[in-house]
Protein backbone atom coordinates (compact mmCIF):
# COMPACT_ATOMS: atom_id res chain seq x y z
CA MET A 1 98.50 16.16 71.14
CA LEU A 2 99.93 17.02 74.55
CA SER A 3 97.64 16.88 77.57
CA PHE A 4 97.86 19.97 79.75
CA GLN A 5 94.94 19.04 82.00
CA MET A 6 95.88 19.76 85.59
CA PRO A 7 96.06 16.55 87.66
CA VAL A 8 94.53 16.45 91.14
CA ALA A 9 94.87 14.22 94.19
CA GLN A 10 91.97 11.98 93.14
CA ASP A 11 93.87 11.15 89.95
CA VAL A 12 96.54 9.47 92.07
CA ARG A 13 93.92 7.39 93.87
CA ASP A 14 92.46 6.38 90.50
CA ALA A 15 95.93 5.51 89.21
CA ALA A 16 96.64 3.37 92.27
CA GLU A 17 93.48 1.37 91.60
CA ARG A 18 94.39 0.91 87.94
CA LEU A 19 97.93 -0.22 88.80
CA ALA A 20 96.85 -2.64 91.55
CA GLY A 21 97.96 -6.12 90.56
CA VAL A 22 99.90 -4.74 87.58
CA ALA A 23 102.75 -2.69 89.08
CA VAL A 24 105.17 -4.24 91.57
CA ARG A 25 104.56 -3.17 95.16
CA THR A 26 108.23 -2.38 95.66
CA PRO A 27 109.89 -2.85 99.06
CA VAL A 28 110.97 -0.22 101.56
CA VAL A 29 114.30 -0.87 103.28
CA ARG A 30 116.37 0.83 105.97
CA SER A 31 119.65 0.43 107.84
CA ASP A 32 121.05 1.67 111.14
CA GLN A 33 124.18 2.81 109.31
CA LEU A 34 122.17 5.03 106.97
CA ASP A 35 120.29 6.53 109.90
CA ALA A 36 123.59 7.31 111.60
CA LEU A 37 125.02 8.90 108.45
CA THR A 38 122.02 11.17 107.87
CA GLY A 39 120.80 11.82 111.38
CA ALA A 40 117.32 10.83 110.21
CA GLN A 41 115.28 7.65 110.10
CA VAL A 42 115.53 6.91 106.40
CA PHE A 43 113.38 4.46 104.46
CA VAL A 44 114.56 3.74 100.92
CA LYS A 45 111.79 2.89 98.45
CA LEU A 46 113.39 0.51 95.92
CA GLU A 47 111.58 1.47 92.76
CA SER A 48 114.57 0.06 90.91
CA LEU A 49 112.76 -3.27 91.37
CA GLN A 50 109.70 -2.05 89.46
CA HIS A 51 108.83 -3.43 86.01
CA THR A 52 111.32 -2.00 83.46
CA GLY A 53 113.62 -1.16 86.39
CA ALA A 54 112.15 2.26 87.17
CA PHE A 55 109.11 4.13 88.51
CA LYS A 56 108.31 5.25 84.96
CA PHE A 57 106.28 2.07 84.43
CA ARG A 58 103.61 3.49 86.71
CA GLY A 59 102.96 6.60 84.64
CA ALA A 60 103.27 4.77 81.33
CA TYR A 61 100.70 2.13 82.26
CA ASN A 62 98.30 4.60 83.83
CA CYS A 63 98.40 6.68 80.66
CA LEU A 64 98.45 4.08 77.88
CA SER A 65 95.79 1.89 79.46
CA ARG A 66 93.38 4.81 79.15
CA LEU A 67 94.06 5.63 75.50
CA ASP A 68 91.29 5.60 72.94
CA LEU A 69 93.01 3.88 70.01
CA ALA A 70 90.32 5.15 67.66
CA VAL A 71 91.90 8.58 68.15
CA CYS A 72 95.50 7.40 67.71
CA PRO A 73 95.43 4.20 65.64
CA ASP A 74 99.11 4.59 64.74
CA GLY A 75 100.07 4.47 68.42
CA VAL A 76 102.12 6.80 70.59
CA VAL A 77 105.29 8.85 70.33
CA ALA A 78 107.36 9.42 73.46
CA TYR A 79 110.63 11.24 74.11
CA SER A 80 113.00 10.04 76.77
CA THR A 81 116.58 9.65 77.93
CA GLY A 82 115.71 6.02 78.52
CA ASN A 83 113.48 5.00 81.41
CA HIS A 84 110.26 6.63 80.17
CA GLY A 85 110.90 5.29 76.68
CA GLN A 86 111.55 1.80 77.97
CA ALA A 87 108.37 1.93 80.05
CA ILE A 88 106.28 3.20 77.13
CA ALA A 89 107.68 0.46 74.88
CA THR A 90 107.00 -2.26 77.44
CA VAL A 91 103.45 -1.12 78.20
CA GLY A 92 102.81 -0.70 74.50
CA ARG A 93 103.75 -4.32 73.98
CA MET A 94 101.52 -5.39 76.89
CA LEU A 95 98.53 -3.50 75.47
CA ASP A 96 99.27 -4.03 71.76
CA ILE A 97 99.88 -0.32 71.12
CA PRO A 98 102.58 0.67 68.57
CA THR A 99 105.28 2.88 70.11
CA THR A 100 107.96 5.23 68.78
CA VAL A 101 110.54 6.61 71.21
CA VAL A 102 112.75 9.65 70.56
CA MET A 103 116.02 9.17 72.47
CA PRO A 104 119.23 11.24 72.61
CA SER A 105 122.19 9.96 70.63
CA ASN A 106 124.19 9.62 73.87
CA ALA A 107 121.52 7.75 75.84
CA PRO A 108 122.87 4.67 77.66
CA GLU A 109 122.86 1.81 75.19
CA ASN A 110 121.32 -0.60 77.69
CA LYS A 111 118.23 1.63 77.86
CA VAL A 112 118.06 1.98 74.08
CA HIS A 113 118.43 -1.77 73.64
CA LYS A 114 115.68 -2.56 76.14
CA ALA A 115 113.24 -0.15 74.52
CA ARG A 116 113.97 -1.61 71.10
CA LEU A 117 113.69 -5.14 72.47
CA ALA A 118 110.23 -4.28 73.80
CA GLY A 119 109.16 -3.42 70.27
CA ALA A 120 109.59 0.34 70.05
CA THR A 121 110.83 2.14 66.96
CA ILE A 122 113.80 4.22 68.13
CA VAL A 123 114.55 7.66 66.69
CA ARG A 124 117.82 9.26 67.85
CA TYR A 125 118.48 12.99 68.17
CA ASP A 126 121.32 15.32 69.23
CA ARG A 127 120.34 16.83 72.57
CA GLU A 128 122.83 19.70 72.13
CA ARG A 129 121.37 20.85 68.80
CA GLN A 130 117.83 19.53 68.60
CA SER A 131 114.67 19.79 70.68
CA ARG A 132 113.24 16.41 71.60
CA GLU A 133 109.77 17.92 71.76
CA ALA A 134 110.14 19.27 68.20
CA VAL A 135 111.40 15.92 66.91
CA ALA A 136 108.46 14.12 68.53
CA ALA A 137 105.96 16.67 67.21
CA GLU A 138 107.32 16.28 63.67
CA LEU A 139 106.97 12.52 63.89
CA ALA A 140 103.44 12.77 65.29
CA GLU A 141 102.36 15.03 62.44
CA ARG A 142 103.18 12.29 59.93
CA GLY A 143 100.44 10.00 61.21
CA ARG A 144 97.61 9.50 63.69
CA TYR A 145 99.67 9.38 66.87
CA THR A 146 99.37 10.82 70.33
CA ILE A 147 102.41 12.17 72.18
CA VAL A 148 103.08 10.86 75.68
CA PRO A 149 105.72 13.09 77.33
CA PRO A 150 107.62 12.10 80.47
CA GLY A 151 106.17 14.98 82.47
CA ASP A 152 103.48 17.07 80.83
CA HIS A 153 100.59 14.63 81.01
CA HIS A 154 98.13 14.40 83.89
CA HIS A 155 97.83 10.60 83.73
CA VAL A 156 101.62 10.22 83.68
CA ILE A 157 102.06 12.51 86.69
CA ALA A 158 99.30 10.75 88.62
CA GLY A 159 100.80 7.35 87.84
CA GLN A 160 104.23 8.43 89.03
CA GLY A 161 102.73 9.69 92.25
CA THR A 162 101.53 6.21 93.20
CA VAL A 163 105.06 5.34 94.32
CA ALA A 164 104.62 7.71 97.28
CA PHE A 165 100.97 6.76 97.83
CA GLU A 166 102.20 3.19 98.19
CA ALA A 167 105.12 4.09 100.48
CA LEU A 168 102.85 6.06 102.79
CA ASP A 169 100.59 3.02 103.06
CA GLN A 170 103.55 0.74 103.76
CA LEU A 171 104.69 3.02 106.60
CA HIS A 172 101.14 3.58 107.91
CA GLY A 173 101.33 7.28 107.09
CA GLU A 174 104.05 7.93 109.65
CA VAL A 175 106.31 9.97 107.35
CA ASP A 176 107.65 13.49 107.82
CA ALA A 177 109.25 13.98 104.42
CA ILE A 178 109.68 12.35 101.02
CA VAL A 179 112.77 13.05 98.91
CA ALA A 180 112.68 12.13 95.23
CA PRO A 181 114.99 12.51 92.20
CA CYS A 182 113.98 15.36 89.92
CA GLY A 183 114.59 15.90 86.21
CA GLY A 184 111.51 17.32 84.52
CA GLY A 185 109.69 17.22 87.85
CA GLY A 186 106.89 14.76 87.09
CA LEU A 187 107.77 12.41 89.94
CA SER A 188 107.93 15.10 92.62
CA ALA A 189 104.70 16.67 91.32
CA GLY A 190 102.96 13.30 91.48
CA ILE A 191 104.27 12.82 95.00
CA CYS A 192 102.84 16.19 96.06
CA LEU A 193 99.43 15.01 94.85
CA ALA A 194 99.91 11.62 96.49
CA VAL A 195 100.56 13.27 99.85
CA ASP A 196 97.23 15.06 99.52
CA ALA A 197 95.49 11.88 98.36
CA ALA A 198 96.77 10.01 101.41
CA GLY A 199 95.87 12.80 103.82
CA SER A 200 99.53 13.07 104.85
CA ARG A 201 101.39 16.12 106.13
CA ALA A 202 104.73 14.91 104.77
CA GLN A 203 106.94 17.52 103.14
CA VAL A 204 108.08 16.81 99.58
CA TRP A 205 111.68 17.54 98.61
CA ALA A 206 113.22 17.25 95.16
CA ALA A 207 116.82 16.19 94.59
CA GLU A 208 118.82 17.18 91.51
CA PRO A 209 122.31 16.67 90.09
CA ALA A 210 124.36 19.66 91.23
CA ALA A 211 125.11 20.69 87.65
CA PHE A 212 121.45 20.48 86.61
CA ASP A 213 119.70 22.45 89.33
CA ASP A 214 117.01 24.03 87.15
CA THR A 215 114.20 23.24 89.57
CA ARG A 216 116.07 24.83 92.48
CA ARG A 217 116.70 27.98 90.44
CA SER A 218 113.14 27.97 89.12
CA LEU A 219 111.72 27.90 92.64
CA ALA A 220 113.92 30.86 93.53
CA SER A 221 112.94 32.94 90.50
CA GLY A 222 109.32 31.88 90.23
CA ARG A 223 109.66 30.94 86.56
CA ARG A 224 111.04 27.91 84.71
CA GLU A 225 114.80 28.22 84.31
CA THR A 226 116.92 26.33 81.79
CA ASN A 227 120.15 24.45 82.29
CA PRO A 228 123.15 25.96 80.48
CA ALA A 229 124.35 24.00 77.47
CA GLY A 230 127.49 21.94 77.77
CA ARG A 231 127.07 20.72 81.33
CA VAL A 232 127.52 17.02 81.99
CA SER A 233 126.53 14.54 84.67
CA ILE A 234 126.39 10.78 85.02
CA CYS A 235 122.72 11.17 86.06
CA ASP A 236 121.46 10.67 82.50
CA ALA A 237 117.85 10.17 83.60
CA LEU A 238 117.70 13.69 85.09
CA LEU A 239 119.14 15.91 82.37
CA ALA A 240 115.95 17.60 81.16
CA PRO A 241 116.77 21.06 79.78
CA ILE A 242 113.97 22.80 81.73
CA PRO A 243 111.30 21.82 84.27
CA ALA A 244 108.20 20.45 82.54
CA GLU A 245 105.29 22.87 82.50
CA LEU A 246 102.60 20.91 84.33
CA PRO A 247 104.92 19.53 87.03
CA PHE A 248 106.33 22.99 87.75
CA SER A 249 102.83 24.39 88.15
CA ILE A 250 102.53 21.97 91.08
CA ASN A 251 106.12 21.92 92.34
CA GLY A 252 106.46 25.70 92.26
CA SER A 253 104.10 26.11 95.20
CA ARG A 254 104.29 22.71 96.87
CA LEU A 255 107.90 21.62 97.21
CA ALA A 256 109.48 22.20 100.61
CA GLY A 257 112.87 22.61 98.96
CA VAL A 258 115.48 21.12 96.66
CA LEU A 259 118.60 19.17 97.59
CA ALA A 260 121.51 18.44 95.26
CA ALA A 261 124.40 16.02 94.88
CA ASP A 262 127.45 15.98 92.63
CA ASP A 263 128.54 12.95 90.65
CA ALA A 264 131.04 11.81 93.29
CA ALA A 265 128.31 11.75 95.94
CA VAL A 266 126.00 9.89 93.54
CA LYS A 267 128.62 7.20 92.98
CA HIS A 268 129.05 6.87 96.73
CA ALA A 269 125.28 6.42 97.17
CA MET A 270 125.19 3.78 94.42
CA ALA A 271 127.97 1.88 96.16
CA PHE A 272 126.26 2.26 99.54
CA CYS A 273 123.04 0.73 98.18
CA PHE A 274 124.95 -2.15 96.69
CA GLU A 275 126.97 -2.86 99.83
CA THR A 276 124.08 -2.34 102.26
CA PHE A 277 121.01 -3.62 100.42
CA ARG A 278 122.61 -5.63 97.59
CA VAL A 279 120.64 -3.71 94.96
CA VAL A 280 121.69 -1.89 91.80
CA ILE A 281 120.68 1.77 91.55
CA GLU A 282 121.41 3.94 88.51
CA PRO A 283 122.93 7.43 88.98
CA GLY A 284 119.68 9.34 88.50
CA GLY A 285 117.93 6.90 90.79
CA ALA A 286 120.51 7.43 93.53
CA VAL A 287 120.59 11.23 93.57
CA ALA A 288 118.00 11.61 96.35
CA LEU A 289 119.92 9.30 98.66
CA ALA A 290 123.18 10.98 97.65
CA ALA A 291 121.74 14.37 98.53
CA MET A 292 120.48 13.11 101.89
CA MET A 293 123.98 11.86 102.65
CA SER A 294 125.98 14.84 101.36
CA ASP A 295 124.01 18.07 100.98
CA PRO A 296 124.37 20.31 104.07
CA ALA A 297 120.84 21.59 103.38
CA ALA A 298 119.53 18.15 104.36
CA HIS A 299 120.27 18.97 108.00
CA VAL A 300 116.68 20.25 108.32
CA LEU A 301 115.55 16.63 107.95
CA ARG A 302 117.58 15.39 110.91
CA GLY A 303 115.45 13.56 113.44
CA LYS A 304 112.66 13.09 110.87
CA ARG A 305 111.15 9.96 109.31
CA VAL A 306 112.12 10.33 105.66
CA VAL A 307 111.23 8.26 102.60
CA VAL A 308 113.91 8.40 99.90
CA ILE A 309 112.88 7.24 96.44
CA ALA A 310 115.51 5.12 94.67
CA SER A 311 113.78 5.67 91.36
CA GLY A 312 115.60 3.36 88.94
CA GLY A 313 118.26 0.73 88.41
CA ASN A 314 118.98 0.84 84.66
CA VAL A 315 122.72 1.49 84.58
CA ASP A 316 125.42 0.35 82.21
CA ALA A 317 127.63 -2.32 83.78
CA ALA A 318 130.82 -0.32 83.18
CA LEU A 319 129.45 2.80 84.90
CA PHE A 320 128.15 0.76 87.81
CA ALA A 321 131.52 -0.97 88.22
CA ASP A 322 133.23 2.43 88.15
CA ALA A 323 130.92 3.72 90.88
CA ILE A 324 131.71 0.74 93.09
CA THR A 325 135.47 0.95 92.58
CA SER A 326 135.52 4.76 92.93
CA ALA A 327 133.71 4.56 96.24
CA ALA A 328 136.06 1.87 97.46
CA ALA A 329 139.07 3.99 96.55
């Protein structure tokens, strides 16, 4: 069953305690060149160096470590474009919990391979014709499973929020804004709660692929908007069809705004991270930095101390090489 319990700030504090000594305390880096490009003092939180190569490990561990296996002896079912599924599979292996992951047929093969390598049973679906939620629900009905979605679960959201709770601690609370990639919205919702948990006044901004700006449009309309079918982006981790319900209930009133970046800007940000910090960032993980560097709306953050979440590094080698060469050209 899905958990629609509303998470609160204390849940992030509890998640931080549970993850202490388990999750990687990922570094925060900066460069004078980046500050000059953005007009802000930018600190990049390298969550690409987290276990499984993405922030999703935080939510997966916080959730699965709390499961009562007497209720779901057959394990968990998750749906994911890759990073959530890989995290669920890895944590499931750590905690001896069987995992099944529903992944789109066009998910990056490196993410599929890593989830399978971690022991998950992989079920593929066509994202243009099928609902991942419906596929997962059908699988769950066949046995005694619990569904762990990438966004609509209070323990997942709270776990994701620990990335910002940690960054605020690393920077001694001296942060004016936090910008994070946004697909279903679980990360930005968790960050909103983390800001409260830390007693910070930092604004929270989401960043989306320009072609998948459902959160921006949802904030404008006041209801969850869908992305039109047929759109494409290299930001595979952020292509949710609609904002997740629980995250939007938080983001709808808490986000300061939404930035966006097109694929060309994302490739440039990936190349910048490689050249400047010598780290690999996947497209979805680079969209917040790309938006800071390219979206005119980011001018309101000039002169501010801004944390940018580089949320993941799981990218196919060919796509990463293309990003580097495209930026160079």
